[in-house]
Protein backbone atom coordinates (compact mmCIF):
# COMPACT_ATOMS: atom_id res chain seq x y z
CA MET A 1 -12.22 3.99 28.40
CA GLU A 2 -11.26 7.47 26.93
CA ASP A 3 -12.61 8.90 23.59
CA SER A 4 -9.93 8.27 20.71
CA LYS A 5 -8.48 11.47 19.48
CA LYS A 6 -10.94 13.07 16.79
CA HIS A 7 -9.87 12.96 13.18
CA GLU A 8 -8.62 16.14 12.12
CA ILE A 9 -8.43 16.94 8.50
CA LYS A 10 -4.85 18.74 7.92
CA PRO A 11 -5.30 21.85 5.55
CA VAL A 12 -3.98 20.79 1.89
CA ASP A 13 -1.77 24.48 2.21
CA GLN A 14 0.22 22.58 4.92
CA LEU A 15 1.05 19.13 3.96
CA VAL A 16 4.45 18.10 3.88
CA PHE A 17 6.50 16.01 1.66
CA SER A 18 6.56 12.97 4.36
CA ASP A 19 2.11 13.29 5.16
CA ASP A 20 0.91 10.04 4.18
CA PHE A 21 -0.95 11.07 1.38
CA MET A 22 1.52 13.84 -0.01
CA PHE A 23 4.43 11.43 0.25
CA GLY A 24 2.47 8.35 -1.80
CA ALA A 25 1.62 11.21 -4.71
CA VAL A 26 4.77 12.98 -4.92
CA MET A 27 6.68 8.86 -4.81
CA ARG A 28 4.15 8.16 -7.65
CA GLU A 29 6.69 10.24 -10.01
CA PRO A 30 8.90 8.30 -11.44
CA GLU A 31 11.95 10.03 -11.06
CA ILE A 32 11.55 11.14 -8.34
CA CYS A 33 11.09 7.98 -6.97
CA LYS A 34 13.68 6.37 -8.70
CA GLY A 35 16.34 9.60 -7.40
CA VAL A 36 14.85 8.43 -3.76
CA LEU A 37 15.52 4.46 -3.95
CA GLU A 38 18.67 5.40 -5.69
CA ARG A 39 19.95 7.37 -2.91
CA LEU A 40 18.83 5.75 -0.24
CA LEU A 41 19.94 2.47 -1.32
CA GLN A 42 22.88 3.69 -3.21
CA ILE A 43 22.41 1.47 -6.31
CA LYS A 44 21.32 2.01 -9.67
CA ILE A 45 17.97 1.76 -11.06
CA ASP A 46 16.68 1.04 -14.86
CA HIS A 47 13.08 2.56 -14.89
CA VAL A 48 10.25 1.92 -11.90
CA GLU A 49 6.62 0.69 -12.32
CA TYR A 50 3.89 0.43 -10.94
CA PRO A 51 1.79 -2.32 -10.73
CA GLU A 52 -1.98 -2.59 -9.90
CA LEU A 53 -2.26 -5.23 -7.33
CA GLN A 54 -4.59 -8.62 -7.65
CA LYS A 55 -8.36 -7.42 -6.57
CA ALA A 56 -8.41 -10.26 -3.97
CA ILE A 57 -5.36 -8.67 -2.08
CA SER A 58 -5.54 -4.83 -2.68
CA PRO A 59 -8.48 -4.01 -0.02
CA PHE A 60 -6.19 -5.51 2.54
CA TYR A 61 -2.99 -3.59 1.75
CA THR A 62 -2.30 -0.63 2.60
CA ARG A 63 -3.08 2.50 1.07
CA LYS A 64 0.04 4.38 2.62
CA GLY A 65 2.42 1.93 1.74
CA VAL A 66 3.57 3.12 -2.53
CA ARG A 67 4.02 -0.19 -3.79
CA LEU A 68 6.78 -0.74 -6.86
CA ASP A 69 8.37 -3.07 -9.45
CA VAL A 70 12.10 -1.97 -9.72
CA TYR A 71 14.35 -3.55 -12.56
CA VAL A 72 17.92 -2.87 -11.78
CA ALA A 73 20.59 -3.97 -13.73
CA GLY A 74 18.17 -6.52 -15.79
CA CYS A 75 17.12 -8.51 -12.28
CA ASN A 76 13.51 -7.98 -11.36
CA LYS A 77 13.28 -6.34 -7.80
CA VAL A 78 10.05 -5.36 -5.70
CA PHE A 79 10.36 -2.52 -3.44
CA ASP A 80 7.43 -1.31 -0.67
CA VAL A 81 8.25 2.03 0.72
CA GLU A 82 6.51 3.89 3.45
CA CYS A 83 6.99 7.28 5.46
CA GLN A 84 5.93 7.36 8.90
CA SER A 85 5.53 10.73 10.32
CA TYR A 86 4.47 9.11 13.83
CA LYS A 87 5.68 7.29 16.45
CA VAL A 88 5.52 3.55 15.39
CA GLU A 89 4.74 1.15 17.61
CA SER A 90 5.14 -2.92 16.61
CA ILE A 91 7.32 -1.85 13.34
CA GLY A 92 8.66 -5.43 12.93
CA LYS A 93 5.36 -6.58 13.13
CA ARG A 94 3.82 -3.96 10.53
CA ILE A 95 7.26 -5.15 8.53
CA ARG A 96 5.91 -8.48 8.59
CA TYR A 97 2.64 -7.38 6.76
CA TYR A 98 3.90 -5.56 4.49
CA GLN A 99 6.22 -8.54 3.22
CA SER A 100 3.08 -11.16 3.53
CA MET A 101 1.63 -8.79 1.53
CA CYS A 102 3.91 -8.19 -1.65
CA ASP A 103 4.64 -12.44 -1.44
CA ILE A 104 0.92 -12.82 -1.74
CA ASP A 105 0.22 -10.53 -5.07
CA THR A 106 3.15 -12.42 -6.61
CA LEU A 107 2.03 -16.09 -5.66
CA MET A 108 -1.45 -15.35 -6.89
CA LYS A 109 -0.09 -14.48 -9.98
CA GLY A 110 0.16 -17.93 -10.47
CA ALA A 111 3.93 -17.92 -9.56
CA ALA A 112 5.99 -20.21 -7.92
CA TYR A 113 7.24 -19.57 -4.69
CA SER A 114 11.26 -19.83 -7.12
CA GLU A 115 9.79 -17.18 -9.18
CA LEU A 116 9.22 -14.82 -6.18
CA LYS A 117 11.17 -11.09 -6.95
CA GLU A 118 13.63 -10.08 -5.09
CA SER A 119 12.35 -7.07 -2.50
CA PHE A 120 12.64 -4.54 -0.22
CA ILE A 121 10.27 -3.13 2.33
CA ILE A 122 11.81 0.43 3.17
CA PHE A 123 10.43 2.44 5.79
CA ILE A 124 11.45 6.44 6.43
CA CYS A 125 10.78 7.64 9.76
CA LEU A 126 10.62 10.89 11.48
CA ASP A 127 11.28 10.07 14.90
CA ASP A 128 13.87 6.85 15.92
CA PRO A 129 11.45 3.42 16.51
CA PHE A 130 14.08 1.64 18.23
CA CYS A 131 15.67 4.38 20.28
CA ALA A 132 19.32 3.91 19.39
CA ASN A 133 19.94 6.23 17.59
CA LEU A 134 21.15 4.81 14.34
CA PRO A 135 20.45 6.59 10.84
CA VAL A 136 19.89 3.22 9.13
CA TYR A 137 18.41 -0.04 10.27
CA THR A 138 19.12 -2.98 7.84
CA PHE A 139 17.85 -6.44 8.42
CA GLU A 140 18.38 -9.80 7.11
CA ARG A 141 17.61 -13.53 7.97
CA ARG A 142 20.58 -15.13 9.30
CA CYS A 143 21.66 -18.21 11.03
CA LYS A 144 21.43 -17.50 15.06
CA GLU A 145 23.85 -20.57 15.43
CA ASN A 146 26.66 -19.25 12.28
CA GLU A 147 25.92 -15.88 11.18
CA ALA A 148 27.56 -16.82 7.61
CA VAL A 149 25.00 -19.15 6.67
CA VAL A 150 22.12 -16.75 4.85
CA LEU A 151 18.50 -17.39 4.69
CA GLY A 152 18.91 -16.24 0.89
CA ASP A 153 15.01 -15.68 1.07
CA PHE A 154 15.93 -12.20 -1.09
CA THR A 155 14.14 -10.27 1.36
CA HIS A 156 15.48 -6.79 2.86
CA HIS A 157 14.39 -4.78 5.79
CA VAL A 158 15.82 -1.08 6.01
CA ILE A 159 14.45 1.55 8.34
CA PHE A 160 15.95 4.49 7.94
CA ASN A 161 15.34 7.23 10.79
CA ALA A 162 14.97 10.67 10.16
CA ALA A 163 16.05 12.12 13.62
CA ALA A 164 19.62 10.42 13.33
CA TYR A 165 20.41 12.30 9.97
CA GLU A 166 23.22 13.99 11.56
CA ASN A 167 24.86 10.70 11.81
CA GLU A 168 24.99 9.21 8.68
CA LYS A 169 27.83 9.78 6.67
CA ASN A 170 26.78 9.43 3.28
CA PRO A 171 26.14 12.91 2.14
CA GLU A 172 22.82 11.84 -0.05
CA ILE A 173 21.27 10.26 2.80
CA LYS A 174 21.99 12.81 5.00
CA ASP A 175 20.91 15.29 2.61
CA PHE A 176 17.43 13.16 2.29
CA LEU A 177 16.72 12.25 5.56
CA SER A 178 17.40 15.67 7.08
CA PHE A 179 15.03 16.95 4.21
CA VAL A 180 12.63 14.62 5.45
CA LYS A 181 12.76 15.68 8.90
CA ASN A 182 13.03 19.03 8.68
CA ASN A 183 11.30 20.20 5.80
CA LYS A 184 14.13 22.00 4.37
CA ALA A 185 15.87 21.42 1.03
CA GLU A 186 18.98 22.20 0.68
CA SER A 187 20.09 20.56 -2.32
CA ASP A 188 18.89 20.27 -6.09
CA PHE A 189 17.25 16.61 -5.60
CA THR A 190 15.11 18.00 -2.27
CA ARG A 191 14.36 21.15 -4.09
CA GLY A 192 13.06 19.37 -6.69
CA ILE A 193 10.48 17.42 -4.45
CA ALA A 194 9.83 20.26 -2.62
CA ASN A 195 8.71 22.23 -5.61
CA MET A 196 6.63 18.84 -6.59
CA VAL A 197 4.88 18.64 -3.14
CA GLN A 198 3.66 22.47 -3.88
CA THR A 199 2.89 21.75 -7.18
CA LYS A 200 0.51 18.76 -6.15
CA LYS A 201 -1.18 21.19 -3.65
CA PHE A 202 -2.77 23.09 -6.59
CA GLU A 203 -3.63 19.98 -8.77
CA GLN A 204 -7.04 19.36 -8.52
CA SER A 205 -7.71 15.93 -8.97
CA PHE A 206 -4.94 15.72 -5.19
CA VAL A 207 -7.53 17.62 -3.49
CA ASN A 208 -10.49 15.74 -4.11
CA GLU A 209 -8.82 12.30 -3.56
CA TYR A 210 -6.95 13.70 -0.65
CA LEU A 211 -10.40 14.92 0.71
CA ALA A 212 -12.14 11.32 -0.05
CA TRP A 213 -9.05 9.93 1.50
CA ASN A 214 -9.78 11.58 4.65
CA LEU A 215 -13.65 11.58 4.80
CA HIS A 216 -12.82 7.67 4.09
CA ASP A 217 -10.59 7.32 7.63
CA GLN A 218 -13.24 9.23 9.35
CA ASP A 219 -15.96 6.76 8.52
CA VAL A 220 -13.58 3.85 9.24
CA GLU A 221 -13.00 5.56 12.92
CA ARG A 222 -16.61 6.23 13.57
CA ARG A 223 -17.26 3.04 12.91
CA SER A 224 -14.77 1.23 14.86
CA LYS A 225 -15.47 3.76 18.22
CA LEU A 226 -18.79 2.86 17.78
CA GLU A 227 -18.29 -0.91 17.89
CA ALA A 228 -15.83 -0.13 21.15
CA TYR A 229 -18.60 1.15 22.93
CA ILE A 230 -21.49 -1.37 21.88
CA ASP A 231 -19.08 -3.77 23.30
CA LEU A 232 -18.64 -1.86 26.83
CA VAL A 233 -22.67 -1.66 26.36
CA LYS A 234 -22.82 -5.40 25.86
CA ASP A 235 -20.25 -6.29 28.98
CA GLY A 236 -22.23 -4.49 31.79
CA LEU A 237 -19.04 -2.15 31.59
CA LEU A 238 -20.99 1.02 30.57
CA SER A 239 -24.55 2.13 30.41
CA LEU A 240 -26.53 2.92 27.50
CA LYS A 241 -26.97 6.09 28.14
CA ASP A 242 -23.26 7.04 29.03
CA ALA A 243 -22.18 5.48 26.01
CA ALA A 244 -24.82 7.51 23.87
CA LEU A 245 -23.70 10.55 25.46
CA LYS A 246 -20.38 9.63 24.45
CA LEU A 247 -21.16 9.06 20.94
CA GLY A 248 -22.98 11.87 20.04
CA MET A 249 -26.42 10.35 19.25
CA SER A 250 -29.61 9.70 21.09
CA GLU A 251 -29.81 6.35 23.38
CA ASP A 252 -32.82 4.83 20.64
CA ALA A 253 -29.95 5.71 18.19
CA LEU A 254 -27.81 3.48 19.72
CA LYS A 255 -29.86 0.78 21.31
CA GLN A 256 -30.82 -0.23 16.94
CA GLN A 257 -27.33 -0.44 16.30
CA ILE A 258 -27.11 -3.22 19.42
CA GLN A 259 -29.77 -5.20 18.42
């Protein structure tokens, strides 16, 4: 077993829009969020709200995603948006998970199945998750035997591939994906996003939350690594001495964790 890559905290002054925490913070600005969604999906949005998830579900819901209630022309729609700054594996299963979280949150509030809102799970990726060189991948459920028959579950899964921005014909989408990929603002809208990124870097509350978020990640990473080595020791695949050495702790301390 190889050691997992050490978690490194990216300096605040080096953060860009596509970094997980910065993306979430900037997309919490209603006008920017509204502008991003309107450009990517080519729809008009009335206003954006940021609901509080049910306490029973929020610990299991990824903090990377931006959960939104977006009201469009009087019809309730739910958007979940995430930016992936690294190559994503099993993106289909990730989308399945996000979809389930959105639906469970609605149903836990006492809604009937018929009251489930139309939902959009949106991934913005810096690299092509399907290697088909398309700037946009849209998935909706249709009958395999007759594609004219739609399931009608009102779910939409849309993946934007910033690596193929040059292949996008829509100028607004192309401009945004180019900004995400290259971090170069070339329009009034993306310059507004870039300015907000710089503003966030000087907000002490943002800096404090970013550092706390990273410390939490480090704790989770250390615990996962510890549990993995404990399993190896228990299975007789690694000696206590070697496991302690790799973990940077004493044999006695590791032994106490195992007991």
